[in-house]
Amino acid sequence: MNWIGLDIGGTRIKGGVLDDAGRVLTRAVEDTQVRQSLRAFERQLDNLVSRLMRQAPGILGGIGAAITGPVDPAIGCVYLPGKIRGLDRHRTVPYLRKRWKVPVTADNDGRLACLAEWRAGAGRGCANLVVFTLGTGIGSGVVLDGRLLTDRHWQRGTQCGHMIIDVNGPRCLTGPRGTGESLASVTALVQSVRDHLARGLPSVLGKKAPHEIAFTDIALAVRRKDPVITDIFERWLNRFAAVVLNTYYAYTPDLIVLAGGPMHAASIILPRLEAALNTAAFRVPPDYPIPVRAARFVDDAGWIGAALSGSDFAAKEKDSA
């Protein structure tokens, strides 16, 4: 039996197929378009699922979807200011169930990334775990006392990126000022670098147009010790460290795992982040280390967690039938 996982993000829809043993059979990506219609969104979902089924022939047992925002497992995203236009008006789960005639479920992308890393990744078997996903925003999921956190409002453990780290900071899509997402997401980092380059500050990235700058360019400049970019990067990382530290105080996890594409540059992120946390954190005993690791599944964690969730859901449906 094959299980498809979809990770629906602000810039891309990633997907892949797991078999019953949890092995990755294939993966694929579709770019999302700015201001696309919901019908175009449905076509992208269908194209991706069709491609995955061609690449990994077999019996499809079910589909799981990782979606940003508060997610009703029986419907899809229920509230999402900005990011993906109209996604909270789209009944993604019923659509996929009707289209593909298999059990379908959905959950928050950060929570499902946490599920993947907890069940089979860097946090496997950890009783108290926090997973962050770095990308367009900051996603999160939490395992506490051996239980993946959720609640009837579909938000528990997924809102760490919306902790406020500067009450005078820029306004977030969710309304408050100075959230982690508005100041410490990869989007915030890239925009800050673009703004500095547009002002003409000298940099090894100066030959590129500011609007062409991506995180991979920034990581390269940091490795090359570019003073302007390194300064921006380290100030951004300090803001992200504040988000992580607030989360540590809220949940006191035994392990913190970072997922998402930027973790391909883990060597320039993890040492700085661990140093910031272990210098600033109040804990008992005072020298007790706060371990931070890169995710095993890096930017595949969301769809892998979705596929695992889809398999779990199909098994429950079968048992209750």
C-alpha atoms as a PDB file:
ATOM      1  CA  MET A   1       0.000   0.000   0.000  1.00  0.00           C
ATOM      2  CA  ASN A   2       1.252   3.502  -0.861  1.00  0.00           C
ATOM      3  CA  TRP A   3       0.585   6.687   1.078  1.00  0.00           C
ATOM      4  CA  ILE A   4       0.791  10.158  -0.458  1.00  0.00           C
ATOM      5  CA  GLY A   5       1.758  13.201   1.583  1.00  0.00           C
ATOM      6  CA  LEU A   6       1.266  16.781   0.371  1.00  0.00           C
ATOM      7  CA  ASP A   7       2.896  19.855   1.936  1.00  0.00           C
ATOM      8  CA  ILE A   8       1.012  22.972   0.833  1.00  0.00           C
ATOM      9  CA  GLY A   9       3.156  26.040   1.474  1.00  0.00           C
ATOM     10  CA  GLY A  10       3.288  29.699   0.549  1.00  0.00           C
ATOM     11  CA  THR A  11       5.526  29.210  -2.486  1.00  0.00           C
ATOM     12  CA  ARG A  12       5.416  25.502  -3.336  1.00  0.00           C
ATOM     13  CA  ILE A  13       3.385  22.333  -2.978  1.00  0.00           C
ATOM     14  CA  LYS A  14       5.722  19.473  -2.140  1.00  0.00           C
ATOM     15  CA  GLY A  15       4.658  15.859  -2.164  1.00  0.00           C
ATOM     16  CA  GLY A  16       5.911  12.325  -1.983  1.00  0.00           C
ATOM     17  CA  VAL A  17       4.991   8.692  -1.504  1.00  0.00           C
ATOM     18  CA  LEU A  18       5.759   6.349   1.393  1.00  0.00           C
ATOM     19  CA  ASP A  19       5.233   2.598   1.387  1.00  0.00           C
ATOM     20  CA  ASP A  20       3.925   0.610   4.352  1.00  0.00           C
ATOM     21  CA  ALA A  21       7.435   0.350   5.760  1.00  0.00           C
ATOM     22  CA  GLY A  22       7.833   4.146   5.718  1.00  0.00           C
ATOM     23  CA  ARG A  23      10.313   4.138   2.848  1.00  0.00           C
ATOM     24  CA  VAL A  24      10.330   7.156   0.509  1.00  0.00           C
ATOM     25  CA  LEU A  25       9.402   5.911  -2.975  1.00  0.00           C
ATOM     26  CA  THR A  26       9.347   9.241  -4.796  1.00  0.00           C
ATOM     27  CA  ARG A  27       8.887  12.980  -4.328  1.00  0.00           C
ATOM     28  CA  ALA A  28       7.864  15.948  -6.497  1.00  0.00           C
ATOM     29  CA  VAL A  29       7.260  19.715  -6.285  1.00  0.00           C
ATOM     30  CA  GLU A  30       4.818  22.185  -7.870  1.00  0.00           C
ATOM     31  CA  ASP A  31       5.306  25.965  -7.635  1.00  0.00           C
ATOM     32  CA  THR A  32       2.268  27.908  -6.435  1.00  0.00           C
ATOM     33  CA  GLN A  33       1.323  31.062  -8.347  1.00  0.00           C
ATOM     34  CA  VAL A  34       0.627  34.456  -6.819  1.00  0.00           C
ATOM     35  CA  ARG A  35      -3.106  35.218  -6.674  1.00  0.00           C
ATOM     36  CA  GLN A  36      -4.051  32.028  -8.483  1.00  0.00           C
ATOM     37  CA  SER A  37      -7.690  30.899  -8.478  1.00  0.00           C
ATOM     38  CA  LEU A  38      -8.902  28.027  -6.330  1.00  0.00           C
ATOM     39  CA  ARG A  39      -9.556  26.060  -9.521  1.00  0.00           C
ATOM     40  CA  ALA A  40      -5.908  26.539 -10.500  1.00  0.00           C
ATOM     41  CA  PHE A  41      -4.949  25.364  -7.012  1.00  0.00           C
ATOM     42  CA  GLU A  42      -7.038  22.223  -7.515  1.00  0.00           C
ATOM     43  CA  ARG A  43      -5.332  21.570 -10.841  1.00  0.00           C
ATOM     44  CA  GLN A  44      -1.962  21.789  -9.112  1.00  0.00           C
ATOM     45  CA  LEU A  45      -3.048  19.287  -6.472  1.00  0.00           C
ATOM     46  CA  ASP A  46      -4.334  16.920  -9.162  1.00  0.00           C
ATOM     47  CA  ASN A  47      -1.188  17.280 -11.271  1.00  0.00           C
ATOM     48  CA  LEU A  48       1.040  16.555  -8.303  1.00  0.00           C
ATOM     49  CA  VAL A  49      -0.951  13.526  -7.126  1.00  0.00           C
ATOM     50  CA  SER A  50      -1.096  12.156 -10.688  1.00  0.00           C
ATOM     51  CA  ARG A  51       2.653  12.565 -11.109  1.00  0.00           C
ATOM     52  CA  LEU A  52       3.374  10.860  -7.788  1.00  0.00           C
ATOM     53  CA  MET A  53       1.137   7.919  -8.682  1.00  0.00           C
ATOM     54  CA  ARG A  54       2.898   7.493 -12.033  1.00  0.00           C
ATOM     55  CA  GLN A  55       6.308   7.612 -10.379  1.00  0.00           C
ATOM     56  CA  ALA A  56       5.356   5.105  -7.666  1.00  0.00           C
ATOM     57  CA  PRO A  57       2.801   2.673  -9.133  1.00  0.00           C
ATOM     58  CA  GLY A  58       0.789   0.652  -6.646  1.00  0.00           C
ATOM     59  CA  ILE A  59      -2.385   0.727  -4.600  1.00  0.00           C
ATOM     60  CA  LEU A  60      -3.048   4.146  -3.077  1.00  0.00           C
ATOM     61  CA  GLY A  61      -4.181   3.708   0.510  1.00  0.00           C
ATOM     62  CA  GLY A  62      -4.780   7.349   1.401  1.00  0.00           C
ATOM     63  CA  ILE A  63      -3.615  10.960   1.288  1.00  0.00           C
ATOM     64  CA  GLY A  64      -2.463  13.302   4.029  1.00  0.00           C
ATOM     65  CA  ALA A  65      -2.092  17.060   3.579  1.00  0.00           C
ATOM     66  CA  ALA A  66       0.136  19.407   5.575  1.00  0.00           C
ATOM     67  CA  ILE A  67      -1.316  22.920   5.377  1.00  0.00           C
ATOM     68  CA  THR A  68      -0.298  26.197   6.968  1.00  0.00           C
ATOM     69  CA  GLY A  69      -2.627  27.795   9.549  1.00  0.00           C
ATOM     70  CA  PRO A  70      -5.279  26.255  11.833  1.00  0.00           C
ATOM     71  CA  VAL A  71      -6.412  23.073  10.071  1.00  0.00           C
ATOM     72  CA  ASP A  72      -9.585  21.029  10.596  1.00  0.00           C
ATOM     73  CA  PRO A  73      -8.591  17.431   9.686  1.00  0.00           C
ATOM     74  CA  ALA A  74     -11.963  16.865   8.008  1.00  0.00           C
ATOM     75  CA  ILE A  75     -11.976  20.088   5.959  1.00  0.00           C
ATOM     76  CA  GLY A  76      -8.560  21.766   5.553  1.00  0.00           C
ATOM     77  CA  CYS A  77      -7.360  25.229   6.512  1.00  0.00           C
ATOM     78  CA  VAL A  78     -10.069  27.161   8.376  1.00  0.00           C
ATOM     79  CA  TYR A  79      -8.435  30.560   8.903  1.00  0.00           C
ATOM     80  CA  LEU A  80      -5.448  32.088   7.123  1.00  0.00           C
ATOM     81  CA  PRO A  81      -4.907  35.835   6.709  1.00  0.00           C
ATOM     82  CA  GLY A  82      -2.648  36.450   3.693  1.00  0.00           C
ATOM     83  CA  LYS A  83      -0.085  33.899   2.476  1.00  0.00           C
ATOM     84  CA  ILE A  84      -2.210  31.711   0.177  1.00  0.00           C
ATOM     85  CA  ARG A  85      -5.185  33.643  -1.126  1.00  0.00           C
ATOM     86  CA  GLY A  86      -8.489  31.897  -0.466  1.00  0.00           C
ATOM     87  CA  LEU A  87      -7.020  28.693   0.955  1.00  0.00           C
ATOM     88  CA  ASP A  88      -9.245  28.959   4.019  1.00  0.00           C
ATOM     89  CA  ARG A  89     -12.279  28.951   1.714  1.00  0.00           C
ATOM     90  CA  HIS A  90     -11.197  25.749  -0.003  1.00  0.00           C
ATOM     91  CA  ARG A  91     -12.491  22.419   1.334  1.00  0.00           C
ATOM     92  CA  THR A  92      -9.239  20.672   0.485  1.00  0.00           C
ATOM     93  CA  VAL A  93      -9.939  17.385   2.283  1.00  0.00           C
ATOM     94  CA  PRO A  94     -13.416  16.766   0.780  1.00  0.00           C
ATOM     95  CA  TYR A  95     -12.066  17.758  -2.649  1.00  0.00           C
ATOM     96  CA  LEU A  96      -9.195  15.264  -2.526  1.00  0.00           C
ATOM     97  CA  ARG A  97     -11.425  12.529  -1.091  1.00  0.00           C
ATOM     98  CA  LYS A  98     -13.978  12.933  -3.876  1.00  0.00           C
ATOM     99  CA  ARG A  99     -11.321  13.246  -6.595  1.00  0.00           C
ATOM    100  CA  TRP A 100      -9.174  10.258  -5.597  1.00  0.00           C
ATOM    101  CA  LYS A 101     -11.693   8.011  -3.792  1.00  0.00           C
ATOM    102  CA  VAL A 102      -9.408   7.285  -0.809  1.00  0.00           C
ATOM    103  CA  PRO A 103      -9.331   8.330   2.860  1.00  0.00           C
ATOM    104  CA  VAL A 104      -7.925  11.859   3.245  1.00  0.00           C
ATOM    105  CA  THR A 105      -6.947  13.884   6.295  1.00  0.00           C
ATOM    106  CA  ALA A 106      -5.089  17.145   6.930  1.00  0.00           C
ATOM    107  CA  ASP A 107      -3.245  18.923   9.714  1.00  0.00           C
ATOM    108  CA  ASN A 108      -1.021  21.919  10.342  1.00  0.00           C
ATOM    109  CA  ASP A 109       2.286  21.702   8.480  1.00  0.00           C
ATOM    110  CA  GLY A 110       4.438  22.387  11.545  1.00  0.00           C
ATOM    111  CA  ARG A 111       2.643  19.740  13.583  1.00  0.00           C
ATOM    112  CA  LEU A 112       3.060  17.167  10.815  1.00  0.00           C
ATOM    113  CA  ALA A 113       6.760  17.986  10.404  1.00  0.00           C
ATOM    114  CA  CYS A 114       7.023  17.357  14.143  1.00  0.00           C
ATOM    115  CA  LEU A 115       5.193  14.038  13.728  1.00  0.00           C
ATOM    116  CA  ALA A 116       7.661  12.947  11.033  1.00  0.00           C
ATOM    117  CA  GLU A 117      10.732  13.823  13.081  1.00  0.00           C
ATOM    118  CA  TRP A 118       9.260  12.307  16.255  1.00  0.00           C
ATOM    119  CA  ARG A 119       8.207   9.039  14.636  1.00  0.00           C
ATOM    120  CA  ALA A 120      11.141   8.458  12.309  1.00  0.00           C
ATOM    121  CA  GLY A 121      13.577  11.363  12.328  1.00  0.00           C
ATOM    122  CA  ALA A 122      15.969  13.365  14.500  1.00  0.00           C
ATOM    123  CA  GLY A 123      13.554  13.378  17.455  1.00  0.00           C
ATOM    124  CA  ARG A 124      12.578   9.720  17.269  1.00  0.00           C
ATOM    125  CA  GLY A 125      11.253   8.507  20.610  1.00  0.00           C
ATOM    126  CA  CYS A 126      11.836  11.858  22.368  1.00  0.00           C
ATOM    127  CA  ALA A 127       9.155  12.422  25.022  1.00  0.00           C
ATOM    128  CA  ASN A 128       9.466  16.225  25.005  1.00  0.00           C
ATOM    129  CA  LEU A 129      10.244  17.702  21.614  1.00  0.00           C
ATOM    130  CA  VAL A 130       9.827  20.967  19.722  1.00  0.00           C
ATOM    131  CA  VAL A 131      10.208  21.088  15.937  1.00  0.00           C
ATOM    132  CA  PHE A 132      10.465  24.378  14.031  1.00  0.00           C
ATOM    133  CA  THR A 133      10.028  24.662  10.270  1.00  0.00           C
ATOM    134  CA  LEU A 134      11.806  27.571   8.617  1.00  0.00           C
ATOM    135  CA  GLY A 135      10.466  28.880   5.339  1.00  0.00           C
ATOM    136  CA  THR A 136       7.980  31.516   4.200  1.00  0.00           C
ATOM    137  CA  GLY A 137       6.983  31.692   7.873  1.00  0.00           C
ATOM    138  CA  ILE A 138       7.934  29.859  11.073  1.00  0.00           C
ATOM    139  CA  GLY A 139       5.969  26.689  11.723  1.00  0.00           C
ATOM    140  CA  SER A 140       6.124  24.543  14.831  1.00  0.00           C
ATOM    141  CA  GLY A 141       4.925  21.359  16.460  1.00  0.00           C
ATOM    142  CA  VAL A 142       5.316  20.106  20.025  1.00  0.00           C
ATOM    143  CA  VAL A 143       5.448  16.701  21.699  1.00  0.00           C
ATOM    144  CA  LEU A 144       4.892  16.905  25.457  1.00  0.00           C
ATOM    145  CA  ASP A 145       5.128  13.883  27.756  1.00  0.00           C
ATOM    146  CA  GLY A 146       5.013  11.579  24.737  1.00  0.00           C
ATOM    147  CA  ARG A 147       1.930  13.184  23.152  1.00  0.00           C
ATOM    148  CA  LEU A 148       1.746  15.291  19.993  1.00  0.00           C
ATOM    149  CA  LEU A 149      -0.078  18.450  21.075  1.00  0.00           C
ATOM    150  CA  THR A 150      -3.351  19.476  19.478  1.00  0.00           C
ATOM    151  CA  ASP A 151      -6.649  20.931  20.679  1.00  0.00           C
ATOM    152  CA  ARG A 152     -10.221  21.626  19.569  1.00  0.00           C
ATOM    153  CA  HIS A 153      -9.126  24.930  17.989  1.00  0.00           C
ATOM    154  CA  TRP A 154      -6.354  23.148  16.014  1.00  0.00           C
ATOM    155  CA  GLN A 155      -3.626  25.537  17.240  1.00  0.00           C
ATOM    156  CA  ARG A 156      -1.857  24.078  20.277  1.00  0.00           C
ATOM    157  CA  GLY A 157       1.872  23.808  19.691  1.00  0.00           C
ATOM    158  CA  THR A 158       1.739  25.339  16.199  1.00  0.00           C
ATOM    159  CA  GLN A 159       1.906  29.046  17.060  1.00  0.00           C
ATOM    160  CA  CYS A 160       5.460  29.390  18.390  1.00  0.00           C
ATOM    161  CA  GLY A 161       6.354  31.552  15.400  1.00  0.00           C
ATOM    162  CA  HIS A 162       3.717  34.067  16.513  1.00  0.00           C
ATOM    163  CA  MET A 163       5.282  34.728  19.893  1.00  0.00           C
ATOM    164  CA  ILE A 164       5.961  38.474  20.172  1.00  0.00           C
ATOM    165  CA  ILE A 165       9.628  39.404  20.395  1.00  0.00           C
ATOM    166  CA  ASP A 166       9.338  43.186  19.792  1.00  0.00           C
ATOM    167  CA  VAL A 167       6.148  45.053  20.704  1.00  0.00           C
ATOM    168  CA  ASN A 168       7.246  47.922  18.441  1.00  0.00           C
ATOM    169  CA  GLY A 169       8.096  45.697  15.483  1.00  0.00           C
ATOM    170  CA  PRO A 170       6.347  45.426  12.110  1.00  0.00           C
ATOM    171  CA  ARG A 171       2.758  44.254  11.945  1.00  0.00           C
ATOM    172  CA  CYS A 172       2.252  40.551  11.307  1.00  0.00           C
ATOM    173  CA  LEU A 173      -0.344  39.083   8.935  1.00  0.00           C
ATOM    174  CA  THR A 174      -2.140  37.845  12.055  1.00  0.00           C
ATOM    175  CA  GLY A 175      -2.485  41.373  13.459  1.00  0.00           C
ATOM    176  CA  PRO A 176       0.005  41.883  16.335  1.00  0.00           C
ATOM    177  CA  ARG A 177       3.300  43.704  15.980  1.00  0.00           C
ATOM    178  CA  GLY A 178       6.730  42.148  16.316  1.00  0.00           C
ATOM    179  CA  THR A 179       5.958  38.445  16.030  1.00  0.00           C
ATOM    180  CA  GLY A 180       8.626  35.897  15.263  1.00  0.00           C
ATOM    181  CA  GLU A 181       7.193  35.424  11.784  1.00  0.00           C
ATOM    182  CA  SER A 182       7.396  39.137  10.974  1.00  0.00           C
ATOM    183  CA  LEU A 183      10.966  39.516  12.261  1.00  0.00           C
ATOM    184  CA  ALA A 184      12.675  36.117  12.246  1.00  0.00           C
ATOM    185  CA  SER A 185      11.276  34.129   9.316  1.00  0.00           C
ATOM    186  CA  VAL A 186      13.459  33.419   6.291  1.00  0.00           C
ATOM    187  CA  THR A 187      11.201  35.830   4.398  1.00  0.00           C
ATOM    188  CA  ALA A 188      12.179  38.583   6.867  1.00  0.00           C
ATOM    189  CA  LEU A 189      15.871  37.761   6.461  1.00  0.00           C
ATOM    190  CA  VAL A 190      15.750  37.815   2.662  1.00  0.00           C
ATOM    191  CA  GLN A 191      13.800  41.083   2.618  1.00  0.00           C
ATOM    192  CA  SER A 192      16.289  42.722   4.980  1.00  0.00           C
ATOM    193  CA  VAL A 193      19.220  41.717   2.765  1.00  0.00           C
ATOM    194  CA  ARG A 194      17.408  42.974  -0.345  1.00  0.00           C
ATOM    195  CA  ASP A 195      16.713  46.321   1.345  1.00  0.00           C
ATOM    196  CA  HIS A 196      20.368  46.764   2.317  1.00  0.00           C
ATOM    197  CA  LEU A 197      21.610  45.898  -1.176  1.00  0.00           C
ATOM    198  CA  ALA A 198      19.057  48.240  -2.771  1.00  0.00           C
ATOM    199  CA  ARG A 199      20.634  51.043  -0.722  1.00  0.00           C
ATOM    200  CA  GLY A 200      23.996  50.266  -2.310  1.00  0.00           C
ATOM    201  CA  LEU A 201      25.832  48.730   0.653  1.00  0.00           C
ATOM    202  CA  PRO A 202      28.951  46.863  -0.556  1.00  0.00           C
ATOM    203  CA  SER A 203      28.638  43.075  -0.676  1.00  0.00           C
ATOM    204  CA  VAL A 204      29.770  40.014  -2.611  1.00  0.00           C
ATOM    205  CA  LEU A 205      26.101  39.818  -3.633  1.00  0.00           C
ATOM    206  CA  GLY A 206      26.226  43.258  -5.236  1.00  0.00           C
ATOM    207  CA  LYS A 207      26.310  41.850  -8.772  1.00  0.00           C
ATOM    208  CA  LYS A 208      22.827  40.392  -8.347  1.00  0.00           C
ATOM    209  CA  ALA A 209      19.664  42.465  -8.538  1.00  0.00           C
ATOM    210  CA  PRO A 210      18.185  42.775  -5.018  1.00  0.00           C
ATOM    211  CA  HIS A 211      14.916  41.087  -6.041  1.00  0.00           C
ATOM    212  CA  GLU A 212      16.894  38.018  -7.193  1.00  0.00           C
ATOM    213  CA  ILE A 213      18.470  37.384  -3.787  1.00  0.00           C
ATOM    214  CA  ALA A 214      17.424  34.114  -2.106  1.00  0.00           C
ATOM    215  CA  PHE A 215      18.430  32.365   1.115  1.00  0.00           C
ATOM    216  CA  THR A 216      21.016  30.246  -0.716  1.00  0.00           C
ATOM    217  CA  ASP A 217      22.804  33.442  -1.798  1.00  0.00           C
ATOM    218  CA  ILE A 218      22.810  34.723   1.772  1.00  0.00           C
ATOM    219  CA  ALA A 219      24.231  31.451   3.100  1.00  0.00           C
ATOM    220  CA  LEU A 220      27.023  31.601   0.522  1.00  0.00           C
ATOM    221  CA  ALA A 221      27.863  35.198   1.487  1.00  0.00           C
ATOM    222  CA  VAL A 222      27.988  34.265   5.193  1.00  0.00           C
ATOM    223  CA  ARG A 223      30.347  31.381   4.436  1.00  0.00           C
ATOM    224  CA  ARG A 224      32.531  33.839   2.509  1.00  0.00           C
ATOM    225  CA  LYS A 225      32.486  36.126   5.590  1.00  0.00           C
ATOM    226  CA  ASP A 226      30.888  39.064   3.789  1.00  0.00           C
ATOM    227  CA  PRO A 227      30.725  41.671   6.623  1.00  0.00           C
ATOM    228  CA  VAL A 228      27.421  43.312   5.613  1.00  0.00           C
ATOM    229  CA  ILE A 229      25.520  40.086   4.974  1.00  0.00           C
ATOM    230  CA  THR A 230      27.019  38.331   8.014  1.00  0.00           C
ATOM    231  CA  ASP A 231      25.916  41.211  10.256  1.00  0.00           C
ATOM    232  CA  ILE A 232      22.347  41.046   8.901  1.00  0.00           C
ATOM    233  CA  PHE A 233      22.344  37.260   9.224  1.00  0.00           C
ATOM    234  CA  GLU A 234      23.548  37.285  12.835  1.00  0.00           C
ATOM    235  CA  ARG A 235      20.989  39.916  13.882  1.00  0.00           C
ATOM    236  CA  TRP A 236      18.283  37.808  12.206  1.00  0.00           C
ATOM    237  CA  LEU A 237      19.534  34.690  13.991  1.00  0.00           C
ATOM    238  CA  ASN A 238      19.424  36.506  17.344  1.00  0.00           C
ATOM    239  CA  ARG A 239      15.760  37.311  16.708  1.00  0.00           C
ATOM    240  CA  PHE A 240      15.047  33.691  15.830  1.00  0.00           C
ATOM    241  CA  ALA A 241      16.915  32.652  18.983  1.00  0.00           C
ATOM    242  CA  ALA A 242      14.449  34.802  20.951  1.00  0.00           C
ATOM    243  CA  VAL A 243      11.553  32.820  19.428  1.00  0.00           C
ATOM    244  CA  VAL A 244      13.268  29.542  20.302  1.00  0.00           C
ATOM    245  CA  LEU A 245      14.066  30.733  23.827  1.00  0.00           C
ATOM    246  CA  ASN A 246      10.442  31.760  24.451  1.00  0.00           C
ATOM    247  CA  THR A 247       9.366  28.339  23.226  1.00  0.00           C
ATOM    248  CA  TYR A 248      11.915  26.664  25.495  1.00  0.00           C
ATOM    249  CA  TYR A 249      10.449  28.495  28.490  1.00  0.00           C
ATOM    250  CA  ALA A 250       6.918  27.481  27.469  1.00  0.00           C
ATOM    251  CA  TYR A 251       7.593  23.760  26.965  1.00  0.00           C
ATOM    252  CA  THR A 252      11.116  22.975  28.340  1.00  0.00           C
ATOM    253  CA  PRO A 253      11.733  20.335  25.653  1.00  0.00           C
ATOM    254  CA  ASP A 254      14.525  17.780  25.854  1.00  0.00           C
ATOM    255  CA  LEU A 255      15.365  18.469  22.206  1.00  0.00           C
ATOM    256  CA  ILE A 256      14.760  21.199  19.611  1.00  0.00           C
ATOM    257  CA  VAL A 257      14.800  20.211  15.931  1.00  0.00           C
ATOM    258  CA  LEU A 258      14.922  22.597  12.965  1.00  0.00           C
ATOM    259  CA  ALA A 259      13.416  21.601   9.611  1.00  0.00           C
ATOM    260  CA  GLY A 260      12.921  23.356   6.275  1.00  0.00           C
ATOM    261  CA  GLY A 261      15.084  24.144   3.272  1.00  0.00           C
ATOM    262  CA  PRO A 262      17.418  26.554   5.149  1.00  0.00           C
ATOM    263  CA  MET A 263      18.701  23.583   7.152  1.00  0.00           C
ATOM    264  CA  HIS A 264      20.773  22.610   4.134  1.00  0.00           C
ATOM    265  CA  ALA A 265      22.920  25.393   5.607  1.00  0.00           C
ATOM    266  CA  ALA A 266      22.813  23.917   9.126  1.00  0.00           C
ATOM    267  CA  SER A 267      26.551  24.462   9.601  1.00  0.00           C
ATOM    268  CA  ILE A 268      26.107  28.244   9.754  1.00  0.00           C
ATOM    269  CA  ILE A 269      22.852  28.154  11.753  1.00  0.00           C
ATOM    270  CA  LEU A 270      23.119  25.497  14.475  1.00  0.00           C
ATOM    271  CA  PRO A 271      26.410  26.512  16.191  1.00  0.00           C
ATOM    272  CA  ARG A 272      25.334  30.165  16.401  1.00  0.00           C
ATOM    273  CA  LEU A 273      21.846  29.261  17.626  1.00  0.00           C
ATOM    274  CA  GLU A 274      23.063  26.782  20.256  1.00  0.00           C
ATOM    275  CA  ALA A 275      25.579  29.325  21.531  1.00  0.00           C
ATOM    276  CA  ALA A 276      22.902  32.031  21.810  1.00  0.00           C
ATOM    277  CA  LEU A 277      20.499  29.718  23.648  1.00  0.00           C
ATOM    278  CA  ASN A 278      23.004  28.222  26.045  1.00  0.00           C
ATOM    279  CA  THR A 279      24.339  31.686  26.893  1.00  0.00           C
ATOM    280  CA  ALA A 280      20.943  33.301  27.535  1.00  0.00           C
ATOM    281  CA  ALA A 281      18.636  30.584  28.843  1.00  0.00           C
ATOM    282  CA  PHE A 282      17.696  30.374  32.508  1.00  0.00           C
ATOM    283  CA  ARG A 283      17.511  26.691  33.444  1.00  0.00           C
ATOM    284  CA  VAL A 284      18.326  24.231  36.207  1.00  0.00           C
ATOM    285  CA  PRO A 285      21.084  23.207  36.474  1.00  0.00           C
ATOM    286  CA  PRO A 286      22.565  26.403  34.947  1.00  0.00           C
ATOM    287  CA  ASP A 287      25.008  24.522  32.708  1.00  0.00           C
ATOM    288  CA  TYR A 288      22.439  21.993  31.442  1.00  0.00           C
ATOM    289  CA  PRO A 289      22.782  22.010  27.631  1.00  0.00           C
ATOM    290  CA  ILE A 290      19.846  22.788  25.336  1.00  0.00           C
ATOM    291  CA  PRO A 291      20.408  20.477  22.352  1.00  0.00           C
ATOM    292  CA  VAL A 292      19.440  21.736  18.894  1.00  0.00           C
ATOM    293  CA  ARG A 293      19.614  19.443  15.861  1.00  0.00           C
ATOM    294  CA  ALA A 294      18.883  19.620  12.170  1.00  0.00           C
ATOM    295  CA  ALA A 295      15.868  17.593  11.042  1.00  0.00           C
ATOM    296  CA  ARG A 296      16.552  14.255   9.413  1.00  0.00           C
ATOM    297  CA  PHE A 297      14.047  15.020   6.677  1.00  0.00           C
ATOM    298  CA  VAL A 298      15.054  18.700   6.201  1.00  0.00           C
ATOM    299  CA  ASP A 299      12.459  20.104   3.729  1.00  0.00           C
ATOM    300  CA  ASP A 300      10.607  16.766   3.320  1.00  0.00           C
ATOM    301  CA  ALA A 301       9.389  16.636   6.929  1.00  0.00           C
ATOM    302  CA  GLY A 302       5.966  18.187   6.194  1.00  0.00           C
ATOM    303  CA  TRP A 303       4.877  15.798   3.467  1.00  0.00           C
ATOM    304  CA  ILE A 304       6.373  12.757   5.232  1.00  0.00           C
ATOM    305  CA  GLY A 305       4.399  13.643   8.364  1.00  0.00           C
ATOM    306  CA  ALA A 306       1.301  14.090   6.194  1.00  0.00           C
ATOM    307  CA  ALA A 307       1.770  10.657   4.623  1.00  0.00           C
ATOM    308  CA  LEU A 308       2.204   9.063   8.063  1.00  0.00           C
ATOM    309  CA  SER A 309      -0.916  10.865   9.264  1.00  0.00           C
ATOM    310  CA  GLY A 310      -2.822   9.655   6.205  1.00  0.00           C
ATOM    311  CA  SER A 311      -1.812   6.070   6.967  1.00  0.00           C
ATOM    312  CA  ASP A 312      -2.885   6.435  10.613  1.00  0.00           C
ATOM    313  CA  PHE A 313      -6.213   7.954   9.576  1.00  0.00           C
ATOM    314  CA  ALA A 314      -6.963   5.200   7.050  1.00  0.00           C
ATOM    315  CA  ALA A 315      -6.248   2.554   9.704  1.00  0.00           C
ATOM    316  CA  LYS A 316      -8.668   4.227  12.131  1.00  0.00           C
ATOM    317  CA  GLU A 317     -11.353   4.426   9.467  1.00  0.00           C
ATOM    318  CA  LYS A 318     -10.888   0.723   8.722  1.00  0.00           C
ATOM    319  CA  ASP A 319     -11.105  -0.186  12.422  1.00  0.00           C
ATOM    320  CA  SER A 320     -14.286   1.835  12.907  1.00  0.00           C
ATOM    321  CA  ALA A 321     -15.981   0.443   9.784  1.00  0.00           C
END
